[in-house]
Amino acid sequence: LQNYSASLVAINDEMAEWDTELREHD
């Protein structure tokens, strides 16, 4: 697994920033 600069992340089905804080059961 390798990170790419254009990779995206979503948290709980909403697009998010990489620095978004995580919570239990996300």
mmCIF file of all heavy atoms, coordinates in Angstrom:
data_MODEL
# 
_entry.id   MODEL 
# 
loop_
_atom_site.group_PDB 
_atom_site.id 
_atom_site.type_symbol 
_atom_site.label_atom_id 
_atom_site.label_alt_id 
_atom_site.label_comp_id 
_atom_site.label_asym_id 
_atom_site.label_entity_id 
_atom_site.label_seq_id 
_atom_site.pdbx_PDB_ins_code 
_atom_site.Cartn_x 
_atom_site.Cartn_y 
_atom_site.Cartn_z 
_atom_site.occupancy 
_atom_site.B_iso_or_equiv 
_atom_site.pdbx_formal_charge 
_atom_site.auth_seq_id 
_atom_site.auth_comp_id 
_atom_site.auth_asym_id 
_atom_site.auth_atom_id 
_atom_site.pdbx_PDB_model_num 
ATOM 1   N N   . LEU A 1 1  ? 0.845   -1.194 0.000  1.00 0.00 ? 1  LEU A N   1 
ATOM 2   C CA  . LEU A 1 1  ? 0.000   0.000  0.000  1.00 0.00 ? 1  LEU A CA  1 
ATOM 3   C C   . LEU A 1 1  ? 0.876   1.239  0.000  1.00 0.00 ? 1  LEU A C   1 
ATOM 4   O O   . LEU A 1 1  ? 1.756   1.390  0.847  1.00 0.00 ? 1  LEU A O   1 
ATOM 5   C CB  . LEU A 1 1  ? -0.891  -0.025 1.252  1.00 0.00 ? 1  LEU A CB  1 
ATOM 6   C CG  . LEU A 1 1  ? -1.968  1.037  1.366  1.00 0.00 ? 1  LEU A CG  1 
ATOM 7   C CD1 . LEU A 1 1  ? -2.995  0.879  0.247  1.00 0.00 ? 1  LEU A CD1 1 
ATOM 8   C CD2 . LEU A 1 1  ? -2.654  0.916  2.721  1.00 0.00 ? 1  LEU A CD2 1 
ATOM 9   N N   . GLN A 1 2  ? 0.643   2.123  -0.960 1.00 0.00 ? 2  GLN A N   1 
ATOM 10  C CA  . GLN A 1 2  ? 1.434   3.350  -0.998 1.00 0.00 ? 2  GLN A CA  1 
ATOM 11  C C   . GLN A 1 2  ? 0.543   4.552  -1.224 1.00 0.00 ? 2  GLN A C   1 
ATOM 12  O O   . GLN A 1 2  ? -0.467  4.474  -1.914 1.00 0.00 ? 2  GLN A O   1 
ATOM 13  C CB  . GLN A 1 2  ? 2.531   3.278  -2.054 1.00 0.00 ? 2  GLN A CB  1 
ATOM 14  C CG  . GLN A 1 2  ? 2.061   2.947  -3.445 1.00 0.00 ? 2  GLN A CG  1 
ATOM 15  C CD  . GLN A 1 2  ? 3.217   2.879  -4.412 1.00 0.00 ? 2  GLN A CD  1 
ATOM 16  O OE1 . GLN A 1 2  ? 3.889   3.870  -4.634 1.00 0.00 ? 2  GLN A OE1 1 
ATOM 17  N NE2 . GLN A 1 2  ? 3.449   1.724  -4.996 1.00 0.00 ? 2  GLN A NE2 1 
ATOM 18  N N   . ASN A 1 3  ? 0.922   5.648  -0.603 1.00 0.00 ? 3  ASN A N   1 
ATOM 19  C CA  . ASN A 1 3  ? 0.141   6.872  -0.696 1.00 0.00 ? 3  ASN A CA  1 
ATOM 20  C C   . ASN A 1 3  ? 0.508   7.622  -1.977 1.00 0.00 ? 3  ASN A C   1 
ATOM 21  O O   . ASN A 1 3  ? 1.667   7.697  -2.343 1.00 0.00 ? 3  ASN A O   1 
ATOM 22  C CB  . ASN A 1 3  ? 0.416   7.748  0.523  1.00 0.00 ? 3  ASN A CB  1 
ATOM 23  C CG  . ASN A 1 3  ? -0.604  8.844  0.681  1.00 0.00 ? 3  ASN A CG  1 
ATOM 24  O OD1 . ASN A 1 3  ? -1.556  8.944  -0.072 1.00 0.00 ? 3  ASN A OD1 1 
ATOM 25  N ND2 . ASN A 1 3  ? -0.404  9.665  1.676  1.00 0.00 ? 3  ASN A ND2 1 
ATOM 26  N N   . TYR A 1 4  ? -0.496  8.158  -2.614 1.00 0.00 ? 4  TYR A N   1 
ATOM 27  C CA  . TYR A 1 4  ? -0.309  8.981  -3.800 1.00 0.00 ? 4  TYR A CA  1 
ATOM 28  C C   . TYR A 1 4  ? -0.780  10.388 -3.462 1.00 0.00 ? 4  TYR A C   1 
ATOM 29  O O   . TYR A 1 4  ? -1.743  10.558 -2.716 1.00 0.00 ? 4  TYR A O   1 
ATOM 30  C CB  . TYR A 1 4  ? -1.118  8.433  -4.974 1.00 0.00 ? 4  TYR A CB  1 
ATOM 31  C CG  . TYR A 1 4  ? -0.721  7.046  -5.387 1.00 0.00 ? 4  TYR A CG  1 
ATOM 32  C CD1 . TYR A 1 4  ? -1.441  5.939  -4.958 1.00 0.00 ? 4  TYR A CD1 1 
ATOM 33  C CD2 . TYR A 1 4  ? 0.363   6.832  -6.228 1.00 0.00 ? 4  TYR A CD2 1 
ATOM 34  C CE1 . TYR A 1 4  ? -1.085  4.650  -5.355 1.00 0.00 ? 4  TYR A CE1 1 
ATOM 35  C CE2 . TYR A 1 4  ? 0.729   5.554  -6.623 1.00 0.00 ? 4  TYR A CE2 1 
ATOM 36  C CZ  . TYR A 1 4  ? 0.002   4.469  -6.179 1.00 0.00 ? 4  TYR A CZ  1 
ATOM 37  O OH  . TYR A 1 4  ? 0.367   3.201  -6.570 1.00 0.00 ? 4  TYR A OH  1 
ATOM 38  N N   . SER A 1 5  ? -0.147  11.377 -4.019 1.00 0.00 ? 5  SER A N   1 
ATOM 39  C CA  . SER A 1 5  ? -0.481  12.759 -3.673 1.00 0.00 ? 5  SER A CA  1 
ATOM 40  C C   . SER A 1 5  ? -1.934  13.116 -3.983 1.00 0.00 ? 5  SER A C   1 
ATOM 41  O O   . SER A 1 5  ? -2.511  13.969 -3.321 1.00 0.00 ? 5  SER A O   1 
ATOM 42  C CB  . SER A 1 5  ? 0.463   13.726 -4.372 1.00 0.00 ? 5  SER A CB  1 
ATOM 43  O OG  . SER A 1 5  ? 0.348   13.593 -5.764 1.00 0.00 ? 5  SER A OG  1 
ATOM 44  N N   . ALA A 1 6  ? -2.541  12.473 -4.956 1.00 0.00 ? 6  ALA A N   1 
ATOM 45  C CA  . ALA A 1 6  ? -3.920  12.797 -5.320 1.00 0.00 ? 6  ALA A CA  1 
ATOM 46  C C   . ALA A 1 6  ? -4.944  11.847 -4.691 1.00 0.00 ? 6  ALA A C   1 
ATOM 47  O O   . ALA A 1 6  ? -6.103  11.854 -5.073 1.00 0.00 ? 6  ALA A O   1 
ATOM 48  C CB  . ALA A 1 6  ? -4.059  12.785 -6.840 1.00 0.00 ? 6  ALA A CB  1 
ATOM 49  N N   . SER A 1 7  ? -4.523  11.050 -3.726 1.00 0.00 ? 7  SER A N   1 
ATOM 50  C CA  . SER A 1 7  ? -5.446  10.136 -3.063 1.00 0.00 ? 7  SER A CA  1 
ATOM 51  C C   . SER A 1 7  ? -6.502  10.914 -2.288 1.00 0.00 ? 7  SER A C   1 
ATOM 52  O O   . SER A 1 7  ? -6.262  12.020 -1.820 1.00 0.00 ? 7  SER A O   1 
ATOM 53  C CB  . SER A 1 7  ? -4.700  9.216  -2.107 1.00 0.00 ? 7  SER A CB  1 
ATOM 54  O OG  . SER A 1 7  ? -3.790  8.424  -2.806 1.00 0.00 ? 7  SER A OG  1 
ATOM 55  N N   . LEU A 1 8  ? -7.665  10.276 -2.133 1.00 0.00 ? 8  LEU A N   1 
ATOM 56  C CA  . LEU A 1 8  ? -8.775  10.903 -1.418 1.00 0.00 ? 8  LEU A CA  1 
ATOM 57  C C   . LEU A 1 8  ? -9.190  10.039 -0.243 1.00 0.00 ? 8  LEU A C   1 
ATOM 58  O O   . LEU A 1 8  ? -8.989  8.823  -0.244 1.00 0.00 ? 8  LEU A O   1 
ATOM 59  C CB  . LEU A 1 8  ? -9.966  11.099 -2.359 1.00 0.00 ? 8  LEU A CB  1 
ATOM 60  C CG  . LEU A 1 8  ? -9.717  11.975 -3.580 1.00 0.00 ? 8  LEU A CG  1 
ATOM 61  C CD1 . LEU A 1 8  ? -10.924 11.943 -4.501 1.00 0.00 ? 8  LEU A CD1 1 
ATOM 62  C CD2 . LEU A 1 8  ? -9.421  13.400 -3.143 1.00 0.00 ? 8  LEU A CD2 1 
ATOM 63  N N   . VAL A 1 9  ? -9.809  10.678 0.727  1.00 0.00 ? 9  VAL A N   1 
ATOM 64  C CA  . VAL A 1 9  ? -10.315 9.961  1.898  1.00 0.00 ? 9  VAL A CA  1 
ATOM 65  C C   . VAL A 1 9  ? -11.727 10.451 2.196  1.00 0.00 ? 9  VAL A C   1 
ATOM 66  O O   . VAL A 1 9  ? -12.050 11.625 1.992  1.00 0.00 ? 9  VAL A O   1 
ATOM 67  C CB  . VAL A 1 9  ? -9.391  10.168 3.128  1.00 0.00 ? 9  VAL A CB  1 
ATOM 68  C CG1 . VAL A 1 9  ? -9.318  11.618 3.544  1.00 0.00 ? 9  VAL A CG1 1 
ATOM 69  C CG2 . VAL A 1 9  ? -9.813  9.282  4.280  1.00 0.00 ? 9  VAL A CG2 1 
ATOM 70  N N   . ALA A 1 10 ? -12.558 9.533  2.639  1.00 0.00 ? 10 ALA A N   1 
ATOM 71  C CA  . ALA A 1 10 ? -13.904 9.870  3.101  1.00 0.00 ? 10 ALA A CA  1 
ATOM 72  C C   . ALA A 1 10 ? -14.069 9.260  4.486  1.00 0.00 ? 10 ALA A C   1 
ATOM 73  O O   . ALA A 1 10 ? -13.520 8.198  4.782  1.00 0.00 ? 10 ALA A O   1 
ATOM 74  C CB  . ALA A 1 10 ? -14.958 9.335  2.151  1.00 0.00 ? 10 ALA A CB  1 
ATOM 75  N N   . ILE A 1 11 ? -14.815 9.950  5.311  1.00 0.00 ? 11 ILE A N   1 
ATOM 76  C CA  . ILE A 1 11 ? -15.120 9.448  6.647  1.00 0.00 ? 11 ILE A CA  1 
ATOM 77  C C   . ILE A 1 11 ? -16.629 9.450  6.795  1.00 0.00 ? 11 ILE A C   1 
ATOM 78  O O   . ILE A 1 11 ? -17.279 10.488 6.595  1.00 0.00 ? 11 ILE A O   1 
ATOM 79  C CB  . ILE A 1 11 ? -14.444 10.305 7.739  1.00 0.00 ? 11 ILE A CB  1 
ATOM 80  C CG1 . ILE A 1 11 ? -12.917 10.277 7.548  1.00 0.00 ? 11 ILE A CG1 1 
ATOM 81  C CG2 . ILE A 1 11 ? -14.839 9.821  9.132  1.00 0.00 ? 11 ILE A CG2 1 
ATOM 82  C CD1 . ILE A 1 11 ? -12.145 11.190 8.471  1.00 0.00 ? 11 ILE A CD1 1 
ATOM 83  N N   . ASN A 1 12 ? -17.151 8.273  7.089  1.00 0.00 ? 12 ASN A N   1 
ATOM 84  C CA  . ASN A 1 12 ? -18.603 8.098  7.226  1.00 0.00 ? 12 ASN A CA  1 
ATOM 85  C C   . ASN A 1 12 ? -19.352 8.609  5.996  1.00 0.00 ? 12 ASN A C   1 
ATOM 86  O O   . ASN A 1 12 ? -20.326 9.345  6.088  1.00 0.00 ? 12 ASN A O   1 
ATOM 87  C CB  . ASN A 1 12 ? -19.105 8.755  8.514  1.00 0.00 ? 12 ASN A CB  1 
ATOM 88  C CG  . ASN A 1 12 ? -18.421 8.179  9.730  1.00 0.00 ? 12 ASN A CG  1 
ATOM 89  O OD1 . ASN A 1 12 ? -18.154 6.986  9.801  1.00 0.00 ? 12 ASN A OD1 1 
ATOM 90  N ND2 . ASN A 1 12 ? -18.104 9.024  10.682 1.00 0.00 ? 12 ASN A ND2 1 
ATOM 91  N N   . ASP A 1 13 ? -18.839 8.214  4.830  1.00 0.00 ? 13 ASP A N   1 
ATOM 92  C CA  . ASP A 1 13 ? -19.443 8.510  3.524  1.00 0.00 ? 13 ASP A CA  1 
ATOM 93  C C   . ASP A 1 13 ? -19.424 9.983  3.123  1.00 0.00 ? 13 ASP A C   1 
ATOM 94  O O   . ASP A 1 13 ? -20.167 10.398 2.241  1.00 0.00 ? 13 ASP A O   1 
ATOM 95  C CB  . ASP A 1 13 ? -20.866 7.962  3.430  1.00 0.00 ? 13 ASP A CB  1 
ATOM 96  C CG  . ASP A 1 13 ? -20.894 6.454  3.450  1.00 0.00 ? 13 ASP A CG  1 
ATOM 97  O OD1 . ASP A 1 13 ? -19.970 5.831  2.867  1.00 0.00 ? 13 ASP A OD1 1 
ATOM 98  O OD2 . ASP A 1 13 ? -21.822 5.870  4.040  1.00 0.00 ? 13 ASP A OD2 1 
ATOM 99  N N   . GLU A 1 14 ? -18.575 10.787 3.762  1.00 0.00 ? 14 GLU A N   1 
ATOM 100 C CA  . GLU A 1 14 ? -18.413 12.182 3.357  1.00 0.00 ? 14 GLU A CA  1 
ATOM 101 C C   . GLU A 1 14 ? -16.940 12.444 3.092  1.00 0.00 ? 14 GLU A C   1 
ATOM 102 O O   . GLU A 1 14 ? -16.085 12.077 3.901  1.00 0.00 ? 14 GLU A O   1 
ATOM 103 C CB  . GLU A 1 14 ? -18.912 13.127 4.458  1.00 0.00 ? 14 GLU A CB  1 
ATOM 104 C CG  . GLU A 1 14 ? -20.412 13.064 4.645  1.00 0.00 ? 14 GLU A CG  1 
ATOM 105 C CD  . GLU A 1 14 ? -20.923 14.146 5.580  1.00 0.00 ? 14 GLU A CD  1 
ATOM 106 O OE1 . GLU A 1 14 ? -20.235 15.185 5.729  1.00 0.00 ? 14 GLU A OE1 1 
ATOM 107 O OE2 . GLU A 1 14 ? -21.991 13.945 6.160  1.00 0.00 ? 14 GLU A OE2 1 
ATOM 108 N N   . MET A 1 15 ? -16.642 13.082 1.968  1.00 0.00 ? 15 MET A N   1 
ATOM 109 C CA  . MET A 1 15 ? -15.259 13.401 1.652  1.00 0.00 ? 15 MET A CA  1 
ATOM 110 C C   . MET A 1 15 ? -14.678 14.233 2.790  1.00 0.00 ? 15 MET A C   1 
ATOM 111 O O   . MET A 1 15 ? -15.366 15.077 3.372  1.00 0.00 ? 15 MET A O   1 
ATOM 112 C CB  . MET A 1 15 ? -15.163 14.152 0.327  1.00 0.00 ? 15 MET A CB  1 
ATOM 113 C CG  . MET A 1 15 ? -15.665 13.355 -0.879 1.00 0.00 ? 15 MET A CG  1 
ATOM 114 S SD  . MET A 1 15 ? -15.008 11.666 -0.994 1.00 0.00 ? 15 MET A SD  1 
ATOM 115 C CE  . MET A 1 15 ? -13.296 11.991 -1.371 1.00 0.00 ? 15 MET A CE  1 
ATOM 116 N N   . ALA A 1 16 ? -13.410 13.953 3.106  1.00 0.00 ? 16 ALA A N   1 
ATOM 117 C CA  . ALA A 1 16 ? -12.778 14.592 4.263  1.00 0.00 ? 16 ALA A CA  1 
ATOM 118 C C   . ALA A 1 16 ? -11.348 14.989 3.925  1.00 0.00 ? 16 ALA A C   1 
ATOM 119 O O   . ALA A 1 16 ? -10.786 14.563 2.916  1.00 0.00 ? 16 ALA A O   1 
ATOM 120 C CB  . ALA A 1 16 ? -12.789 13.628 5.453  1.00 0.00 ? 16 ALA A CB  1 
ATOM 121 N N   . GLU A 1 17 ? -10.781 15.787 4.787  1.00 0.00 ? 17 GLU A N   1 
ATOM 122 C CA  . GLU A 1 17 ? -9.376  16.158 4.694  1.00 0.00 ? 17 GLU A CA  1 
ATOM 123 C C   . GLU A 1 17 ? -8.552  15.101 5.413  1.00 0.00 ? 17 GLU A C   1 
ATOM 124 O O   . GLU A 1 17 ? -9.031  14.426 6.321  1.00 0.00 ? 17 GLU A O   1 
ATOM 125 C CB  . GLU A 1 17 ? -9.138  17.533 5.326  1.00 0.00 ? 17 GLU A CB  1 
ATOM 126 C CG  . GLU A 1 17 ? -9.888  18.671 4.650  1.00 0.00 ? 17 GLU A CG  1 
ATOM 127 C CD  . GLU A 1 17 ? -9.448  18.894 3.225  1.00 0.00 ? 17 GLU A CD  1 
ATOM 128 O OE1 . GLU A 1 17 ? -8.241  18.742 2.932  1.00 0.00 ? 17 GLU A OE1 1 
ATOM 129 O OE2 . GLU A 1 17 ? -10.309 19.235 2.393  1.00 0.00 ? 17 GLU A OE2 1 
ATOM 130 N N   . TRP A 1 18 ? -7.290  14.976 5.032  1.00 0.00 ? 18 TRP A N   1 
ATOM 131 C CA  . TRP A 1 18 ? -6.424  13.974 5.630  1.00 0.00 ? 18 TRP A CA  1 
ATOM 132 C C   . TRP A 1 18 ? -6.150  14.239 7.106  1.00 0.00 ? 18 TRP A C   1 
ATOM 133 O O   . TRP A 1 18 ? -5.846  13.327 7.860  1.00 0.00 ? 18 TRP A O   1 
ATOM 134 C CB  . TRP A 1 18 ? -5.111  13.861 4.855  1.00 0.00 ? 18 TRP A CB  1 
ATOM 135 C CG  . TRP A 1 18 ? -5.335  13.136 3.556  1.00 0.00 ? 18 TRP A CG  1 
ATOM 136 C CD1 . TRP A 1 18 ? -5.541  13.707 2.336  1.00 0.00 ? 18 TRP A CD1 1 
ATOM 137 C CD2 . TRP A 1 18 ? -5.419  11.725 3.371  1.00 0.00 ? 18 TRP A CD2 1 
ATOM 138 N NE1 . TRP A 1 18 ? -5.746  12.728 1.396  1.00 0.00 ? 18 TRP A NE1 1 
ATOM 139 C CE2 . TRP A 1 18 ? -5.667  11.494 2.000  1.00 0.00 ? 18 TRP A CE2 1 
ATOM 140 C CE3 . TRP A 1 18 ? -5.298  10.635 4.221  1.00 0.00 ? 18 TRP A CE3 1 
ATOM 141 C CZ2 . TRP A 1 18 ? -5.802  10.222 1.467  1.00 0.00 ? 18 TRP A CZ2 1 
ATOM 142 C CZ3 . TRP A 1 18 ? -5.431  9.362  3.689  1.00 0.00 ? 18 TRP A CZ3 1 
ATOM 143 C CH2 . TRP A 1 18 ? -5.679  9.167  2.327  1.00 0.00 ? 18 TRP A CH2 1 
ATOM 144 N N   . ASP A 1 19 ? -6.285  15.484 7.554  1.00 0.00 ? 19 ASP A N   1 
ATOM 145 C CA  . ASP A 1 19 ? -6.029  15.790 8.961  1.00 0.00 ? 19 ASP A CA  1 
ATOM 146 C C   . ASP A 1 19 ? -7.293  15.717 9.823  1.00 0.00 ? 19 ASP A C   1 
ATOM 147 O O   . ASP A 1 19 ? -7.265  16.071 11.006 1.00 0.00 ? 19 ASP A O   1 
ATOM 148 C CB  . ASP A 1 19 ? -5.356  17.156 9.116  1.00 0.00 ? 19 ASP A CB  1 
ATOM 149 C CG  . ASP A 1 19 ? -6.199  18.305 8.583  1.00 0.00 ? 19 ASP A CG  1 
ATOM 150 O OD1 . ASP A 1 19 ? -7.261  18.058 7.989  1.00 0.00 ? 19 ASP A OD1 1 
ATOM 151 O OD2 . ASP A 1 19 ? -5.783  19.467 8.768  1.00 0.00 ? 19 ASP A OD2 1 
ATOM 152 N N   . THR A 1 20 ? -8.398  15.234 9.254  1.00 0.00 ? 20 THR A N   1 
ATOM 153 C CA  . THR A 1 20 ? -9.642  15.093 10.001 1.00 0.00 ? 20 THR A CA  1 
ATOM 154 C C   . THR A 1 20 ? -9.455  14.129 11.170 1.00 0.00 ? 20 THR A C   1 
ATOM 155 O O   . THR A 1 20 ? -8.905  13.039 10.999 1.00 0.00 ? 20 THR A O   1 
ATOM 156 C CB  . THR A 1 20 ? -10.778 14.600 9.086  1.00 0.00 ? 20 THR A CB  1 
ATOM 157 O OG1 . THR A 1 20 ? -10.951 15.546 8.020  1.00 0.00 ? 20 THR A OG1 1 
ATOM 158 C CG2 . THR A 1 20 ? -12.076 14.438 9.848  1.00 0.00 ? 20 THR A CG2 1 
ATOM 159 N N   . GLU A 1 21 ? -9.933  14.541 12.328 1.00 0.00 ? 21 GLU A N   1 
ATOM 160 C CA  . GLU A 1 21 ? -9.819  13.723 13.537 1.00 0.00 ? 21 GLU A CA  1 
ATOM 161 C C   . GLU A 1 21 ? -10.771 12.529 13.465 1.00 0.00 ? 21 GLU A C   1 
ATOM 162 O O   . GLU A 1 21 ? -11.927 12.666 13.053 1.00 0.00 ? 21 GLU A O   1 
ATOM 163 C CB  . GLU A 1 21 ? -10.159 14.572 14.761 1.00 0.00 ? 21 GLU A CB  1 
ATOM 164 C CG  . GLU A 1 21 ? -9.993  13.854 16.067 1.00 0.00 ? 21 GLU A CG  1 
ATOM 165 C CD  . GLU A 1 21 ? -10.278 14.762 17.252 1.00 0.00 ? 21 GLU A CD  1 
ATOM 166 O OE1 . GLU A 1 21 ? -9.997  15.970 17.164 1.00 0.00 ? 21 GLU A OE1 1 
ATOM 167 O OE2 . GLU A 1 21 ? -10.784 14.242 18.253 1.00 0.00 ? 21 GLU A OE2 1 
ATOM 168 N N   . LEU A 1 22 ? -10.281 11.377 13.874 1.00 0.00 ? 22 LEU A N   1 
ATOM 169 C CA  . LEU A 1 22 ? -11.084 10.158 13.872 1.00 0.00 ? 22 LEU A CA  1 
ATOM 170 C C   . LEU A 1 22 ? -11.768 9.959  15.217 1.00 0.00 ? 22 LEU A C   1 
ATOM 171 O O   . LEU A 1 22 ? -11.262 10.393 16.252 1.00 0.00 ? 22 LEU A O   1 
ATOM 172 C CB  . LEU A 1 22 ? -10.198 8.945  13.573 1.00 0.00 ? 22 LEU A CB  1 
ATOM 173 C CG  . LEU A 1 22 ? -9.502  8.956  12.219 1.00 0.00 ? 22 LEU A CG  1 
ATOM 174 C CD1 . LEU A 1 22 ? -8.602  7.739  12.093 1.00 0.00 ? 22 LEU A CD1 1 
ATOM 175 C CD2 . LEU A 1 22 ? -10.509 9.011  11.092 1.00 0.00 ? 22 LEU A CD2 1 
ATOM 176 N N   . ARG A 1 23 ? -12.916 9.283  15.149 1.00 0.00 ? 23 ARG A N   1 
ATOM 177 C CA  . ARG A 1 23 ? -13.672 8.943  16.355 1.00 0.00 ? 23 ARG A CA  1 
ATOM 178 C C   . ARG A 1 23 ? -14.019 7.460  16.334 1.00 0.00 ? 23 ARG A C   1 
ATOM 179 O O   . ARG A 1 23 ? -14.078 6.847  15.273 1.00 0.00 ? 23 ARG A O   1 
ATOM 180 C CB  . ARG A 1 23 ? -14.949 9.767  16.420 1.00 0.00 ? 23 ARG A CB  1 
ATOM 181 C CG  . ARG A 1 23 ? -14.661 11.241 16.543 1.00 0.00 ? 23 ARG A CG  1 
ATOM 182 C CD  . ARG A 1 23 ? -15.922 12.043 16.491 1.00 0.00 ? 23 ARG A CD  1 
ATOM 183 N NE  . ARG A 1 23 ? -15.568 13.451 16.440 1.00 0.00 ? 23 ARG A NE  1 
ATOM 184 C CZ  . ARG A 1 23 ? -16.063 14.357 17.245 1.00 0.00 ? 23 ARG A CZ  1 
ATOM 185 N NH1 . ARG A 1 23 ? -16.950 14.019 18.134 1.00 0.00 ? 23 ARG A NH1 1 
ATOM 186 N NH2 . ARG A 1 23 ? -15.678 15.604 17.142 1.00 0.00 ? 23 ARG A NH2 1 
ATOM 187 N N   . GLU A 1 24 ? -14.251 6.918  17.509 1.00 0.00 ? 24 GLU A N   1 
ATOM 188 C CA  . GLU A 1 24 ? -14.605 5.513  17.661 1.00 0.00 ? 24 GLU A CA  1 
ATOM 189 C C   . GLU A 1 24 ? -15.704 5.125  16.663 1.00 0.00 ? 24 GLU A C   1 
ATOM 190 O O   . GLU A 1 24 ? -16.686 5.844  16.493 1.00 0.00 ? 24 GLU A O   1 
ATOM 191 C CB  . GLU A 1 24 ? -15.092 5.264  19.092 1.00 0.00 ? 24 GLU A CB  1 
ATOM 192 C CG  . GLU A 1 24 ? -15.455 3.833  19.394 1.00 0.00 ? 24 GLU A CG  1 
ATOM 193 C CD  . GLU A 1 24 ? -14.251 2.957  19.728 1.00 0.00 ? 24 GLU A CD  1 
ATOM 194 O OE1 . GLU A 1 24 ? -13.208 3.500  20.126 1.00 0.00 ? 24 GLU A OE1 1 
ATOM 195 O OE2 . GLU A 1 24 ? -14.362 1.739  19.584 1.00 0.00 ? 24 GLU A OE2 1 
ATOM 196 N N   . HIS A 1 25 ? -15.493 4.004  15.986 1.00 0.00 ? 25 HIS A N   1 
ATOM 197 C CA  . HIS A 1 25 ? -16.448 3.398  15.050 1.00 0.00 ? 25 HIS A CA  1 
ATOM 198 C C   . HIS A 1 25 ? -16.643 4.177  13.746 1.00 0.00 ? 25 HIS A C   1 
ATOM 199 O O   . HIS A 1 25 ? -17.593 3.908  13.015 1.00 0.00 ? 25 HIS A O   1 
ATOM 200 C CB  . HIS A 1 25 ? -17.807 3.130  15.711 1.00 0.00 ? 25 HIS A CB  1 
ATOM 201 C CG  . HIS A 1 25 ? -17.696 2.255  16.913 1.00 0.00 ? 25 HIS A CG  1 
ATOM 202 N ND1 . HIS A 1 25 ? -17.269 0.947  16.854 1.00 0.00 ? 25 HIS A ND1 1 
ATOM 203 C CD2 . HIS A 1 25 ? -17.923 2.512  18.220 1.00 0.00 ? 25 HIS A CD2 1 
ATOM 204 C CE1 . HIS A 1 25 ? -17.259 0.436  18.063 1.00 0.00 ? 25 HIS A CE1 1 
ATOM 205 N NE2 . HIS A 1 25 ? -17.637 1.364  18.911 1.00 0.00 ? 25 HIS A NE2 1 
ATOM 206 N N   . ASP A 1 26 ? -15.753 5.123  13.442 1.00 0.00 ? 26 ASP A N   1 
ATOM 207 C CA  . ASP A 1 26 ? -15.818 5.779  12.133 1.00 0.00 ? 26 ASP A CA  1 
ATOM 208 C C   . ASP A 1 26 ? -15.578 4.736  11.046 1.00 0.00 ? 26 ASP A C   1 
ATOM 209 O O   . ASP A 1 26 ? -14.911 3.719  11.270 1.00 0.00 ? 26 ASP A O   1 
ATOM 210 C CB  . ASP A 1 26 ? -14.738 6.860  11.996 1.00 0.00 ? 26 ASP A CB  1 
ATOM 211 C CG  . ASP A 1 26 ? -15.152 8.197  12.583 1.00 0.00 ? 26 ASP A CG  1 
ATOM 212 O OD1 . ASP A 1 26 ? -16.343 8.389  12.887 1.00 0.00 ? 26 ASP A OD1 1 
ATOM 213 O OD2 . ASP A 1 26 ? -14.258 9.060  12.743 1.00 0.00 ? 26 ASP A OD2 1 
# 
